[in-house]
Amino acid sequence: MKKISIFILSALLAMPGFAQEASLAEENIASDNNSVATVASGNTADIKTENKAEVNPDVKFPHGLQLGVGVSATSGLNGFVGYANKNFDSFWWKRFGVRLDFATAAPLKSAINSGIDSIMGDEGIEMGDGLRIKDGSIKAQHFAAMLDFYPFGKTWFLGGLRLTGGYYFGELDLRANLVGTMSDLPDAEFAFELEGTNYKYLGNEIRGTANADWNYRGPYLGTGFDLGLFAGFKIYLDAGVVFTNKTAQLGLDLPTNNLQKWNGTSWEDVNLDGIAEFERAKHDALADAQEELDKLKFYPMVKVGFMYRF
């Protein structure tokens, strides 16, 4: 009985300490739980803050991909792909855009040549002295990289106005057949002069080919305008010039068959020496014309078409 009393007394004495330790353990567990809750709450707040930043309407997603297709009298069918976003918050970024532009007359070749033939008609274009131009053709293409600047940003109607600079690589080839005849005047002679010497063809008829080849490259400067229609569709216009030190090169092919020259008293057939003299005279005449053409140091570029901005 005495041992039992001692055991009970010892248990009663130890109980407050145990209870205190249990209480401290519970407080530590609660504190840890609160810390975890606080950390979790903080992480949640951070996540919510980040999500809120992602959906903040003031942060603009950079839309602005644009595609366009158009036509040009000097390059045929045009197309471009580029980027211009006028919804940027930045004063400068919303005013700039870039484009890669490319063109070729190949898809419109038949339509262009048919148009030229219809303008010239069956008889061609009269150049005087019985000489006519017939059966013309055009071959054109270019590639360009351009930087657009919209000075008025997104300002309603004026926001479509832009200034454009860039660099162009291009080619323009013109071909035309030359035909001359005076068959309606049998007593007349169809003669032409090259470097002081008169030439003519038997039968009073001349046939040849004239061409101008222009492989140009150089900086481009121009202006343009985008006019909105609906749902991202727009009409666009570009007008400017390519500044180049390469000018069109002229060519003239005249046959030497049945060719005669005036020797001062009568007409005589052109022999081998006379053909060489004729070719030199033709070269000199082309050089004079080329000298005048070389003064033209810019290539005009005008385009109109439709575009879509995503």
C-alpha atoms as a PDB file:
ATOM      1  CA  MET A   1       0.000   0.000   0.000  1.00  0.00           C
ATOM      2  CA  LYS A   2       2.861   2.263   0.807  1.00  0.00           C
ATOM      3  CA  LYS A   3       4.417   1.533  -2.608  1.00  0.00           C
ATOM      4  CA  ILE A   4       1.156   2.337  -4.369  1.00  0.00           C
ATOM      5  CA  SER A   5       0.902   5.644  -2.490  1.00  0.00           C
ATOM      6  CA  ILE A   6       4.431   6.563  -3.498  1.00  0.00           C
ATOM      7  CA  PHE A   7       3.656   5.708  -7.156  1.00  0.00           C
ATOM      8  CA  ILE A   8       0.497   7.811  -7.158  1.00  0.00           C
ATOM      9  CA  LEU A   9       2.319  10.695  -5.508  1.00  0.00           C
ATOM     10  CA  SER A  10       5.130  10.479  -8.071  1.00  0.00           C
ATOM     11  CA  ALA A  11       2.581  10.428 -10.911  1.00  0.00           C
ATOM     12  CA  LEU A  12       0.827  13.495  -9.538  1.00  0.00           C
ATOM     13  CA  LEU A  13       4.108  15.324  -9.235  1.00  0.00           C
ATOM     14  CA  ALA A  14       5.168  14.414 -12.800  1.00  0.00           C
ATOM     15  CA  MET A  15       1.813  15.244 -14.423  1.00  0.00           C
ATOM     16  CA  PRO A  16       2.216  19.063 -14.362  1.00  0.00           C
ATOM     17  CA  GLY A  17       5.611  18.798 -16.098  1.00  0.00           C
ATOM     18  CA  PHE A  18       4.238  16.444 -18.710  1.00  0.00           C
ATOM     19  CA  ALA A  19       1.250  18.669 -19.251  1.00  0.00           C
ATOM     20  CA  GLN A  20       3.535  21.663 -19.623  1.00  0.00           C
ATOM     21  CA  GLU A  21       5.690  19.854 -22.196  1.00  0.00           C
ATOM     22  CA  ALA A  22       2.579  18.735 -24.081  1.00  0.00           C
ATOM     23  CA  SER A  23       1.296  22.273 -24.036  1.00  0.00           C
ATOM     24  CA  LEU A  24       4.597  23.568 -25.390  1.00  0.00           C
ATOM     25  CA  ALA A  25       4.579  20.881 -28.089  1.00  0.00           C
ATOM     26  CA  GLU A  26       1.061  21.835 -29.071  1.00  0.00           C
ATOM     27  CA  GLU A  27       2.075  25.512 -29.214  1.00  0.00           C
ATOM     28  CA  ASN A  28       5.068  24.635 -31.384  1.00  0.00           C
ATOM     29  CA  ILE A  29       2.894  22.569 -33.708  1.00  0.00           C
ATOM     30  CA  ALA A  30       0.337  25.380 -33.915  1.00  0.00           C
ATOM     31  CA  SER A  31       3.136  27.869 -34.566  1.00  0.00           C
ATOM     32  CA  ASP A  32       4.542  25.668 -37.292  1.00  0.00           C
ATOM     33  CA  ASN A  33       1.086  25.283 -38.813  1.00  0.00           C
ATOM     34  CA  ASN A  34       0.625  29.047 -38.719  1.00  0.00           C
ATOM     35  CA  SER A  35       4.015  29.511 -40.372  1.00  0.00           C
ATOM     36  CA  VAL A  36       3.116  27.013 -43.080  1.00  0.00           C
ATOM     37  CA  ALA A  37      -0.239  28.731 -43.531  1.00  0.00           C
ATOM     38  CA  THR A  38       1.487  32.098 -43.691  1.00  0.00           C
ATOM     39  CA  VAL A  39       4.010  30.832 -46.256  1.00  0.00           C
ATOM     40  CA  ALA A  40       1.245  29.155 -48.235  1.00  0.00           C
ATOM     41  CA  SER A  41      -0.803  32.295 -48.025  1.00  0.00           C
ATOM     42  CA  GLY A  42       2.185  34.357 -49.125  1.00  0.00           C
ATOM     43  CA  ASN A  43       2.853  32.034 -52.065  1.00  0.00           C
ATOM     44  CA  THR A  44      -0.789  32.212 -53.012  1.00  0.00           C
ATOM     45  CA  ALA A  45      -0.632  35.975 -52.845  1.00  0.00           C
ATOM     46  CA  ASP A  46       2.499  35.949 -55.007  1.00  0.00           C
ATOM     47  CA  ILE A  47       0.863  33.618 -57.509  1.00  0.00           C
ATOM     48  CA  LYS A  48      -2.242  35.782 -57.572  1.00  0.00           C
ATOM     49  CA  THR A  49      -0.073  38.855 -57.998  1.00  0.00           C
ATOM     50  CA  GLU A  50       1.799  37.242 -60.879  1.00  0.00           C
ATOM     51  CA  ASN A  51      -1.441  36.074 -62.494  1.00  0.00           C
ATOM     52  CA  LYS A  52      -2.867  39.531 -62.042  1.00  0.00           C
ATOM     53  CA  ALA A  53       0.180  41.003 -63.752  1.00  0.00           C
ATOM     54  CA  GLU A  54      -0.283  38.569 -66.628  1.00  0.00           C
ATOM     55  CA  VAL A  55      -3.857  39.598 -67.239  1.00  0.00           C
ATOM     56  CA  ASN A  56      -3.320  43.268 -66.504  1.00  0.00           C
ATOM     57  CA  PRO A  57      -5.069  45.076 -69.352  1.00  0.00           C
ATOM     58  CA  ASP A  58      -2.331  47.731 -69.362  1.00  0.00           C
ATOM     59  CA  VAL A  59       0.182  45.141 -70.569  1.00  0.00           C
ATOM     60  CA  LYS A  60      -0.422  44.810 -74.314  1.00  0.00           C
ATOM     61  CA  PHE A  61       0.234  41.533 -76.096  1.00  0.00           C
ATOM     62  CA  PRO A  62       2.353  42.393 -79.154  1.00  0.00           C
ATOM     63  CA  HIS A  63      -0.115  41.768 -81.959  1.00  0.00           C
ATOM     64  CA  GLY A  64       0.705  43.348 -85.301  1.00  0.00           C
ATOM     65  CA  LEU A  65       1.675  40.738 -87.920  1.00  0.00           C
ATOM     66  CA  GLN A  66       0.660  42.108 -91.319  1.00  0.00           C
ATOM     67  CA  LEU A  67       0.369  40.624 -94.799  1.00  0.00           C
ATOM     68  CA  GLY A  68      -0.279  42.445 -98.046  1.00  0.00           C
ATOM     69  CA  VAL A  69      -0.664  41.936-101.781  1.00  0.00           C
ATOM     70  CA  GLY A  70      -0.790  44.585-104.489  1.00  0.00           C
ATOM     71  CA  VAL A  71       0.246  45.622-107.990  1.00  0.00           C
ATOM     72  CA  SER A  72       2.814  48.010-109.410  1.00  0.00           C
ATOM     73  CA  ALA A  73       3.423  49.326-112.907  1.00  0.00           C
ATOM     74  CA  THR A  74       7.183  48.931-112.430  1.00  0.00           C
ATOM     75  CA  SER A  75       7.361  45.561-110.651  1.00  0.00           C
ATOM     76  CA  GLY A  76       4.164  43.592-111.319  1.00  0.00           C
ATOM     77  CA  LEU A  77       2.501  41.578-108.549  1.00  0.00           C
ATOM     78  CA  ASN A  78       3.707  42.663-105.083  1.00  0.00           C
ATOM     79  CA  GLY A  79       3.526  40.962-101.705  1.00  0.00           C
ATOM     80  CA  PHE A  80       4.896  41.725 -98.262  1.00  0.00           C
ATOM     81  CA  VAL A  81       5.051  40.357 -94.737  1.00  0.00           C
ATOM     82  CA  GLY A  82       5.806  42.587 -91.769  1.00  0.00           C
ATOM     83  CA  TYR A  83       5.074  43.736 -88.250  1.00  0.00           C
ATOM     84  CA  ALA A  84       3.642  46.966 -86.824  1.00  0.00           C
ATOM     85  CA  ASN A  85       1.903  47.189 -83.451  1.00  0.00           C
ATOM     86  CA  LYS A  86       0.269  50.519 -82.636  1.00  0.00           C
ATOM     87  CA  ASN A  87      -1.023  49.248 -79.259  1.00  0.00           C
ATOM     88  CA  PHE A  88       2.375  49.363 -77.564  1.00  0.00           C
ATOM     89  CA  ASP A  89       2.537  51.615 -74.499  1.00  0.00           C
ATOM     90  CA  SER A  90       5.936  52.893 -75.633  1.00  0.00           C
ATOM     91  CA  PHE A  91       5.834  56.196 -77.517  1.00  0.00           C
ATOM     92  CA  TRP A  92       8.409  54.967 -80.024  1.00  0.00           C
ATOM     93  CA  TRP A  93       7.625  51.262 -80.426  1.00  0.00           C
ATOM     94  CA  LYS A  94       4.055  51.950 -81.521  1.00  0.00           C
ATOM     95  CA  ARG A  95       5.373  54.212 -84.277  1.00  0.00           C
ATOM     96  CA  PHE A  96       7.731  51.750 -85.971  1.00  0.00           C
ATOM     97  CA  GLY A  97       7.143  48.794 -88.248  1.00  0.00           C
ATOM     98  CA  VAL A  98       9.191  46.532 -90.521  1.00  0.00           C
ATOM     99  CA  ARG A  99       8.399  44.845 -93.830  1.00  0.00           C
ATOM    100  CA  LEU A 100       9.963  42.398 -96.275  1.00  0.00           C
ATOM    101  CA  ASP A 101       8.673  43.186 -99.753  1.00  0.00           C
ATOM    102  CA  PHE A 102       8.929  41.055-102.895  1.00  0.00           C
ATOM    103  CA  ALA A 103       7.486  41.314-106.407  1.00  0.00           C
ATOM    104  CA  THR A 104       7.500  39.691-109.828  1.00  0.00           C
ATOM    105  CA  ALA A 105       5.727  40.316-113.088  1.00  0.00           C
ATOM    106  CA  ALA A 106       5.747  36.601-114.004  1.00  0.00           C
ATOM    107  CA  PRO A 107       2.167  35.826-112.837  1.00  0.00           C
ATOM    108  CA  LEU A 108       0.905  38.825-114.816  1.00  0.00           C
ATOM    109  CA  LYS A 109       3.118  38.287-117.856  1.00  0.00           C
ATOM    110  CA  SER A 110       0.339  37.337-120.255  1.00  0.00           C
ATOM    111  CA  ALA A 111      -1.945  40.094-118.988  1.00  0.00           C
ATOM    112  CA  ILE A 112       0.838  42.725-119.217  1.00  0.00           C
ATOM    113  CA  ASN A 113       1.904  41.687-122.704  1.00  0.00           C
ATOM    114  CA  SER A 114      -1.719  41.534-123.844  1.00  0.00           C
ATOM    115  CA  GLY A 115      -2.222  45.029-122.463  1.00  0.00           C
ATOM    116  CA  ILE A 116       0.863  46.293-124.310  1.00  0.00           C
ATOM    117  CA  ASP A 117      -0.288  44.666-127.541  1.00  0.00           C
ATOM    118  CA  SER A 118      -3.751  46.203-127.180  1.00  0.00           C
ATOM    119  CA  ILE A 119      -2.227  49.655-126.660  1.00  0.00           C
ATOM    120  CA  MET A 120       0.060  49.257-129.661  1.00  0.00           C
ATOM    121  CA  GLY A 121      -2.653  47.771-131.857  1.00  0.00           C
ATOM    122  CA  ASP A 122      -2.062  45.742-134.981  1.00  0.00           C
ATOM    123  CA  GLU A 123       0.063  48.441-136.596  1.00  0.00           C
ATOM    124  CA  GLY A 124       2.168  49.313-133.557  1.00  0.00           C
ATOM    125  CA  ILE A 125       3.159  52.776-132.350  1.00  0.00           C
ATOM    126  CA  GLU A 126       4.342  55.148-135.049  1.00  0.00           C
ATOM    127  CA  MET A 127       7.758  56.671-134.298  1.00  0.00           C
ATOM    128  CA  GLY A 128       8.075  58.760-137.440  1.00  0.00           C
ATOM    129  CA  ASP A 129       9.664  58.167-140.851  1.00  0.00           C
ATOM    130  CA  GLY A 130       7.679  54.953-141.173  1.00  0.00           C
ATOM    131  CA  LEU A 131       9.287  53.343-138.116  1.00  0.00           C
ATOM    132  CA  ARG A 132       6.969  51.585-135.619  1.00  0.00           C
ATOM    133  CA  ILE A 133       7.324  49.729-132.315  1.00  0.00           C
ATOM    134  CA  LYS A 134       5.445  46.444-132.057  1.00  0.00           C
ATOM    135  CA  ASP A 135       5.145  43.465-129.721  1.00  0.00           C
ATOM    136  CA  GLY A 136       6.536  44.929-126.518  1.00  0.00           C
ATOM    137  CA  SER A 137       7.155  42.910-123.347  1.00  0.00           C
ATOM    138  CA  ILE A 138       8.124  43.632-119.739  1.00  0.00           C
ATOM    139  CA  LYS A 139       9.954  41.492-117.191  1.00  0.00           C
ATOM    140  CA  ALA A 140      10.289  42.850-113.652  1.00  0.00           C
ATOM    141  CA  GLN A 141      11.031  41.695-110.129  1.00  0.00           C
ATOM    142  CA  HIS A 142      12.421  43.037-106.851  1.00  0.00           C
ATOM    143  CA  PHE A 143      13.145  42.253-103.202  1.00  0.00           C
ATOM    144  CA  ALA A 144      13.305  44.843-100.432  1.00  0.00           C
ATOM    145  CA  ALA A 145      13.668  45.292 -96.664  1.00  0.00           C
ATOM    146  CA  MET A 146      11.869  48.352 -95.302  1.00  0.00           C
ATOM    147  CA  LEU A 147      11.459  50.265 -92.048  1.00  0.00           C
ATOM    148  CA  ASP A 148       8.188  52.196 -91.571  1.00  0.00           C
ATOM    149  CA  PHE A 149       7.707  55.161 -89.259  1.00  0.00           C
ATOM    150  CA  TYR A 150       4.181  56.290 -88.320  1.00  0.00           C
ATOM    151  CA  PRO A 151       4.637  59.867 -87.014  1.00  0.00           C
ATOM    152  CA  PHE A 152       1.077  60.122 -85.681  1.00  0.00           C
ATOM    153  CA  GLY A 153       0.982  56.723 -83.977  1.00  0.00           C
ATOM    154  CA  LYS A 154      -2.626  55.563 -83.563  1.00  0.00           C
ATOM    155  CA  THR A 155      -4.219  58.970 -84.136  1.00  0.00           C
ATOM    156  CA  TRP A 156      -7.421  58.133 -86.009  1.00  0.00           C
ATOM    157  CA  PHE A 157      -7.157  59.001 -89.727  1.00  0.00           C
ATOM    158  CA  LEU A 158      -3.588  60.388 -89.602  1.00  0.00           C
ATOM    159  CA  GLY A 159      -2.375  57.181 -87.953  1.00  0.00           C
ATOM    160  CA  GLY A 160      -2.263  55.506 -91.366  1.00  0.00           C
ATOM    161  CA  LEU A 161       0.359  57.910 -92.721  1.00  0.00           C
ATOM    162  CA  ARG A 162       3.899  56.544 -92.778  1.00  0.00           C
ATOM    163  CA  LEU A 163       7.407  57.413 -93.915  1.00  0.00           C
ATOM    164  CA  THR A 164       9.456  54.537 -95.287  1.00  0.00           C
ATOM    165  CA  GLY A 165      13.141  53.858 -95.777  1.00  0.00           C
ATOM    166  CA  GLY A 166      14.842  50.686 -96.896  1.00  0.00           C
ATOM    167  CA  TYR A 167      16.973  48.929 -99.482  1.00  0.00           C
ATOM    168  CA  TYR A 168      15.923  47.451-102.846  1.00  0.00           C
ATOM    169  CA  PHE A 169      17.310  44.836-105.222  1.00  0.00           C
ATOM    170  CA  GLY A 170      15.474  44.764-108.541  1.00  0.00           C
ATOM    171  CA  GLU A 171      15.394  44.134-112.253  1.00  0.00           C
ATOM    172  CA  LEU A 172      13.427  45.601-115.161  1.00  0.00           C
ATOM    173  CA  ASP A 173      13.772  44.314-118.726  1.00  0.00           C
ATOM    174  CA  LEU A 174      11.933  45.951-121.621  1.00  0.00           C
ATOM    175  CA  ARG A 175      11.784  44.444-125.111  1.00  0.00           C
ATOM    176  CA  ALA A 176      10.228  45.793-128.307  1.00  0.00           C
ATOM    177  CA  ASN A 177      10.320  44.853-131.974  1.00  0.00           C
ATOM    178  CA  LEU A 178      11.057  47.627-134.456  1.00  0.00           C
ATOM    179  CA  VAL A 179       9.361  47.521-137.838  1.00  0.00           C
ATOM    180  CA  GLY A 180       9.603  50.029-140.657  1.00  0.00           C
ATOM    181  CA  THR A 181       8.307  49.927-144.204  1.00  0.00           C
ATOM    182  CA  MET A 182       7.379  52.273-146.993  1.00  0.00           C
ATOM    183  CA  SER A 183       5.852  49.721-149.341  1.00  0.00           C
ATOM    184  CA  ASP A 184       2.942  52.083-150.012  1.00  0.00           C
ATOM    185  CA  LEU A 185       5.390  54.483-151.684  1.00  0.00           C
ATOM    186  CA  PRO A 186       7.325  52.397-154.209  1.00  0.00           C
ATOM    187  CA  ASP A 187       9.388  55.335-155.461  1.00  0.00           C
ATOM    188  CA  ALA A 188      10.511  56.294-151.943  1.00  0.00           C
ATOM    189  CA  GLU A 189      13.300  54.746-149.981  1.00  0.00           C
ATOM    190  CA  PHE A 190      13.295  53.978-146.277  1.00  0.00           C
ATOM    191  CA  ALA A 191      16.677  55.224-145.130  1.00  0.00           C
ATOM    192  CA  PHE A 192      18.143  55.949-141.720  1.00  0.00           C
ATOM    193  CA  GLU A 193      21.335  57.603-140.613  1.00  0.00           C
ATOM    194  CA  LEU A 194      23.998  56.312-138.229  1.00  0.00           C
ATOM    195  CA  GLU A 195      27.021  58.472-137.436  1.00  0.00           C
ATOM    196  CA  GLY A 196      26.735  60.451-140.662  1.00  0.00           C
ATOM    197  CA  THR A 197      26.176  57.478-142.998  1.00  0.00           C
ATOM    198  CA  ASN A 198      22.834  56.654-144.602  1.00  0.00           C
ATOM    199  CA  TYR A 199      21.653  53.046-144.677  1.00  0.00           C
ATOM    200  CA  LYS A 200      18.627  51.278-146.076  1.00  0.00           C
ATOM    201  CA  TYR A 201      17.283  47.773-146.592  1.00  0.00           C
ATOM    202  CA  LEU A 202      16.259  46.292-149.894  1.00  0.00           C
ATOM    203  CA  GLY A 203      12.492  46.288-150.170  1.00  0.00           C
ATOM    204  CA  ASN A 204      12.255  49.455-148.053  1.00  0.00           C
ATOM    205  CA  GLU A 205      11.683  47.407-144.894  1.00  0.00           C
ATOM    206  CA  ILE A 206      13.540  47.336-141.578  1.00  0.00           C
ATOM    207  CA  ARG A 207      13.167  44.882-138.739  1.00  0.00           C
ATOM    208  CA  GLY A 208      15.065  44.917-135.459  1.00  0.00           C
ATOM    209  CA  THR A 209      14.840  44.632-131.688  1.00  0.00           C
ATOM    210  CA  ALA A 210      15.372  47.289-129.036  1.00  0.00           C
ATOM    211  CA  ASN A 211      15.796  46.538-125.350  1.00  0.00           C
ATOM    212  CA  ALA A 212      16.530  48.231-122.040  1.00  0.00           C
ATOM    213  CA  ASP A 213      17.833  46.192-119.088  1.00  0.00           C
ATOM    214  CA  TRP A 214      17.899  47.772-115.648  1.00  0.00           C
ATOM    215  CA  ASN A 215      19.449  45.804-112.771  1.00  0.00           C
ATOM    216  CA  TYR A 216      19.145  48.291-109.943  1.00  0.00           C
ATOM    217  CA  ARG A 217      19.940  48.281-106.242  1.00  0.00           C
ATOM    218  CA  GLY A 218      20.141  51.003-103.652  1.00  0.00           C
ATOM    219  CA  PRO A 219      18.469  52.813-100.753  1.00  0.00           C
ATOM    220  CA  TYR A 220      14.752  53.534-100.936  1.00  0.00           C
ATOM    221  CA  LEU A 221      12.911  56.577 -99.594  1.00  0.00           C
ATOM    222  CA  GLY A 222       9.168  57.050 -99.858  1.00  0.00           C
ATOM    223  CA  THR A 223       5.860  57.540 -98.161  1.00  0.00           C
ATOM    224  CA  GLY A 224       2.652  55.587 -97.880  1.00  0.00           C
ATOM    225  CA  PHE A 225      -0.764  55.274 -96.308  1.00  0.00           C
ATOM    226  CA  ASP A 226      -2.903  52.526 -94.731  1.00  0.00           C
ATOM    227  CA  LEU A 227      -6.656  53.074 -94.906  1.00  0.00           C
ATOM    228  CA  GLY A 228      -8.681  50.755 -92.665  1.00  0.00           C
ATOM    229  CA  LEU A 229     -11.739  49.005 -94.081  1.00  0.00           C
ATOM    230  CA  PHE A 230     -13.093  46.408 -91.629  1.00  0.00           C
ATOM    231  CA  ALA A 231     -11.919  43.553 -89.355  1.00  0.00           C
ATOM    232  CA  GLY A 232      -8.224  44.256 -89.915  1.00  0.00           C
ATOM    233  CA  PHE A 233      -8.450  44.681 -93.699  1.00  0.00           C
ATOM    234  CA  LYS A 234      -6.859  47.815 -95.155  1.00  0.00           C
ATOM    235  CA  ILE A 235      -6.013  49.469 -98.456  1.00  0.00           C
ATOM    236  CA  TYR A 236      -2.365  50.482 -98.718  1.00  0.00           C
ATOM    237  CA  LEU A 237      -0.384  52.791-101.003  1.00  0.00           C
ATOM    238  CA  ASP A 238       3.386  53.128-101.375  1.00  0.00           C
ATOM    239  CA  ALA A 239       5.168  55.729-103.486  1.00  0.00           C
ATOM    240  CA  GLY A 240       8.882  56.467-103.571  1.00  0.00           C
ATOM    241  CA  VAL A 241      12.151  56.086-105.427  1.00  0.00           C
ATOM    242  CA  VAL A 242      15.187  53.818-105.309  1.00  0.00           C
ATOM    243  CA  PHE A 243      18.413  55.815-105.483  1.00  0.00           C
ATOM    244  CA  THR A 244      20.903  53.824-107.523  1.00  0.00           C
ATOM    245  CA  ASN A 245      24.136  54.376-109.435  1.00  0.00           C
ATOM    246  CA  LYS A 246      23.147  51.646-111.897  1.00  0.00           C
ATOM    247  CA  THR A 247      21.061  52.807-114.823  1.00  0.00           C
ATOM    248  CA  ALA A 248      19.264  50.977-117.624  1.00  0.00           C
ATOM    249  CA  GLN A 249      21.480  49.553-120.342  1.00  0.00           C
ATOM    250  CA  LEU A 250      20.215  50.033-123.883  1.00  0.00           C
ATOM    251  CA  GLY A 251      20.511  47.486-126.655  1.00  0.00           C
ATOM    252  CA  LEU A 252      19.681  47.571-130.362  1.00  0.00           C
ATOM    253  CA  ASP A 253      19.779  44.609-132.726  1.00  0.00           C
ATOM    254  CA  LEU A 254      19.517  45.475-136.412  1.00  0.00           C
ATOM    255  CA  PRO A 255      19.999  42.808-139.100  1.00  0.00           C
ATOM    256  CA  THR A 256      22.666  43.218-141.749  1.00  0.00           C
ATOM    257  CA  ASN A 257      20.968  41.079-144.398  1.00  0.00           C
ATOM    258  CA  ASN A 258      19.934  43.072-147.472  1.00  0.00           C
ATOM    259  CA  LEU A 259      21.593  46.150-145.968  1.00  0.00           C
ATOM    260  CA  GLN A 260      22.869  48.895-148.278  1.00  0.00           C
ATOM    261  CA  LYS A 261      24.675  52.165-147.686  1.00  0.00           C
ATOM    262  CA  TRP A 262      24.950  55.410-149.591  1.00  0.00           C
ATOM    263  CA  ASN A 263      28.480  55.974-150.897  1.00  0.00           C
ATOM    264  CA  GLY A 264      27.850  59.564-151.931  1.00  0.00           C
ATOM    265  CA  THR A 265      26.646  58.855-155.434  1.00  0.00           C
ATOM    266  CA  SER A 266      24.681  55.575-155.261  1.00  0.00           C
ATOM    267  CA  TRP A 267      23.519  52.721-153.013  1.00  0.00           C
ATOM    268  CA  GLU A 268      25.816  49.736-152.645  1.00  0.00           C
ATOM    269  CA  ASP A 269      25.609  46.425-150.789  1.00  0.00           C
ATOM    270  CA  VAL A 270      27.348  46.342-147.447  1.00  0.00           C
ATOM    271  CA  ASN A 271      30.319  43.945-147.460  1.00  0.00           C
ATOM    272  CA  LEU A 272      32.159  42.531-144.442  1.00  0.00           C
ATOM    273  CA  ASP A 273      34.112  45.730-143.888  1.00  0.00           C
ATOM    274  CA  GLY A 274      30.905  47.694-144.259  1.00  0.00           C
ATOM    275  CA  ILE A 275      29.173  45.474-141.641  1.00  0.00           C
ATOM    276  CA  ALA A 276      31.978  46.182-139.131  1.00  0.00           C
ATOM    277  CA  GLU A 277      31.614  49.901-139.850  1.00  0.00           C
ATOM    278  CA  PHE A 278      27.841  49.615-139.399  1.00  0.00           C
ATOM    279  CA  GLU A 279      28.242  47.871-136.021  1.00  0.00           C
ATOM    280  CA  ARG A 280      30.667  50.578-134.849  1.00  0.00           C
ATOM    281  CA  ALA A 281      28.234  53.275-135.934  1.00  0.00           C
ATOM    282  CA  LYS A 282      25.389  51.526-134.116  1.00  0.00           C
ATOM    283  CA  HIS A 283      27.532  51.221-130.979  1.00  0.00           C
ATOM    284  CA  ASP A 284      28.399  54.917-131.060  1.00  0.00           C
ATOM    285  CA  ALA A 285      24.739  55.887-131.518  1.00  0.00           C
ATOM    286  CA  LEU A 286      23.786  53.709-128.530  1.00  0.00           C
ATOM    287  CA  ALA A 287      26.598  55.254-126.469  1.00  0.00           C
ATOM    288  CA  ASP A 288      25.190  58.724-127.084  1.00  0.00           C
ATOM    289  CA  ALA A 289      21.713  57.600-126.020  1.00  0.00           C
ATOM    290  CA  GLN A 290      23.180  55.764-123.016  1.00  0.00           C
ATOM    291  CA  GLU A 291      24.974  58.915-121.899  1.00  0.00           C
ATOM    292  CA  GLU A 292      21.641  60.716-121.648  1.00  0.00           C
ATOM    293  CA  LEU A 293      19.993  57.790-119.882  1.00  0.00           C
ATOM    294  CA  ASP A 294      22.819  57.581-117.343  1.00  0.00           C
ATOM    295  CA  LYS A 295      21.647  60.912-115.931  1.00  0.00           C
ATOM    296  CA  LEU A 296      18.601  59.108-114.541  1.00  0.00           C
ATOM    297  CA  LYS A 297      19.823  58.031-111.096  1.00  0.00           C
ATOM    298  CA  PHE A 298      16.587  56.865-109.495  1.00  0.00           C
ATOM    299  CA  TYR A 299      14.022  54.134-110.100  1.00  0.00           C
ATOM    300  CA  PRO A 300      10.365  55.031-109.419  1.00  0.00           C
ATOM    301  CA  MET A 301       8.228  52.712-107.292  1.00  0.00           C
ATOM    302  CA  VAL A 302       4.439  53.025-106.905  1.00  0.00           C
ATOM    303  CA  LYS A 303       2.326  50.219-105.376  1.00  0.00           C
ATOM    304  CA  VAL A 304      -1.310  49.876-104.364  1.00  0.00           C
ATOM    305  CA  GLY A 305      -3.095  46.885-102.851  1.00  0.00           C
ATOM    306  CA  PHE A 306      -4.822  45.266 -99.871  1.00  0.00           C
ATOM    307  CA  MET A 307      -3.358  44.244 -96.534  1.00  0.00           C
ATOM    308  CA  TYR A 308      -4.485  42.453 -93.370  1.00  0.00           C
ATOM    309  CA  ARG A 309      -3.127  43.135 -89.889  1.00  0.00           C
ATOM    310  CA  PHE A 310      -3.649  40.436 -87.236  1.00  0.00           C
END
